[in-house]
Protein backbone atom coordinates (compact mmCIF):
# COMPACT_ATOMS: atom_id res chain seq x y z
CA UNK A 1 16.04 32.34 4.18
CA UNK A 2 15.69 29.98 7.06
CA UNK A 3 11.89 30.16 5.86
CA UNK A 4 12.55 28.64 2.77
CA UNK A 5 14.27 25.94 4.48
CA UNK A 6 11.85 24.85 6.52
CA UNK A 7 9.57 25.10 4.00
CA UNK A 8 11.73 22.72 1.75
CA UNK A 9 11.69 20.09 4.59
CA UNK A 10 7.12 20.84 5.17
CA UNK A 11 7.19 20.20 1.16
CA UNK A 12 9.73 16.89 1.83
CA UNK A 13 7.96 15.10 3.57
CA UNK A 14 4.26 16.13 2.63
CA UNK A 15 5.98 14.43 -0.92
CA UNK A 16 7.09 11.20 1.36
CA UNK A 17 3.41 10.47 2.96
CA UNK A 18 1.72 10.89 -0.55
CA UNK A 19 3.94 8.73 -2.69
CA UNK A 20 4.48 6.07 0.46
CA UNK A 21 -0.12 6.62 0.18
CA UNK A 22 0.58 6.26 -3.73
CA UNK A 23 2.26 3.22 -3.34
CA UNK A 24 0.61 1.56 -0.59
CA UNK A 25 -2.61 2.09 -2.66
CA UNK A 26 -0.95 0.43 -6.35
CA UNK A 27 0.71 -2.62 -3.76
CA UNK A 28 -3.05 -2.86 -2.48
CA UNK A 29 -5.90 -2.68 -5.65
CA UNK A 30 -2.65 -5.76 -7.33
CA UNK A 31 -2.75 -7.95 -3.31
CA UNK A 32 -7.10 -7.37 -4.24
CA UNK A 33 -6.82 -7.85 -8.31
CA UNK A 34 -4.98 -11.60 -7.70
CA UNK A 35 -6.93 -12.04 -4.62
CA UNK A 36 -10.13 -12.01 -6.55
CA UNK A 37 -9.19 -13.88 -9.81
CA UNK A 38 -7.65 -16.80 -8.36
CA UNK A 39 -11.06 -17.31 -6.82
CA UNK A 40 -13.48 -15.58 -9.85
CA UNK A 41 -11.11 -17.94 -12.73
CA UNK A 42 -8.86 -20.00 -11.12
CA UNK A 43 -11.19 -21.65 -8.93
CA UNK A 44 -9.50 -21.59 -5.88
CA UNK A 45 -11.73 -19.35 -3.32
CA UNK A 46 -10.23 -20.58 -0.65
CA UNK A 47 -6.38 -19.24 -1.48
CA UNK A 48 -8.13 -16.35 -2.98
CA UNK A 49 -9.21 -15.50 0.35
CA UNK A 50 -6.39 -16.11 2.31
CA UNK A 51 -4.28 -14.25 -0.18
CA UNK A 52 -6.73 -11.46 0.17
CA UNK A 53 -6.83 -10.95 4.01
CA UNK A 54 -3.19 -11.78 4.21
CA UNK A 55 -1.37 -8.89 2.19
CA UNK A 56 -4.53 -6.70 2.69
CA UNK A 57 -2.69 -7.40 6.50
CA UNK A 58 0.01 -8.04 5.90
CA UNK A 59 1.24 -4.28 3.79
CA UNK A 60 -0.77 -2.85 7.06
CA UNK A 61 1.90 -3.50 9.11
CA UNK A 62 4.33 -3.70 6.41
CA UNK A 63 4.06 0.06 5.92
CA UNK A 64 2.86 1.28 9.41
CA UNK A 65 6.43 -0.49 10.02
CA UNK A 66 8.76 1.56 7.69
CA UNK A 67 6.57 5.06 8.60
């Protein structure tokens, strides 16, 4: 019975880690696409660059703190 509980805990930790990875990936793709849209379509290349770099750093720091 103890082995089943250990397996459940390991699966729970794996699921939480994978969920964080998927969330980070989706948010990072949205930040990159938004910054590309600002730079190419909107004509605000400096703002797009700042959003892309700043957003990527913010996501990295945010998910590093949450881990």
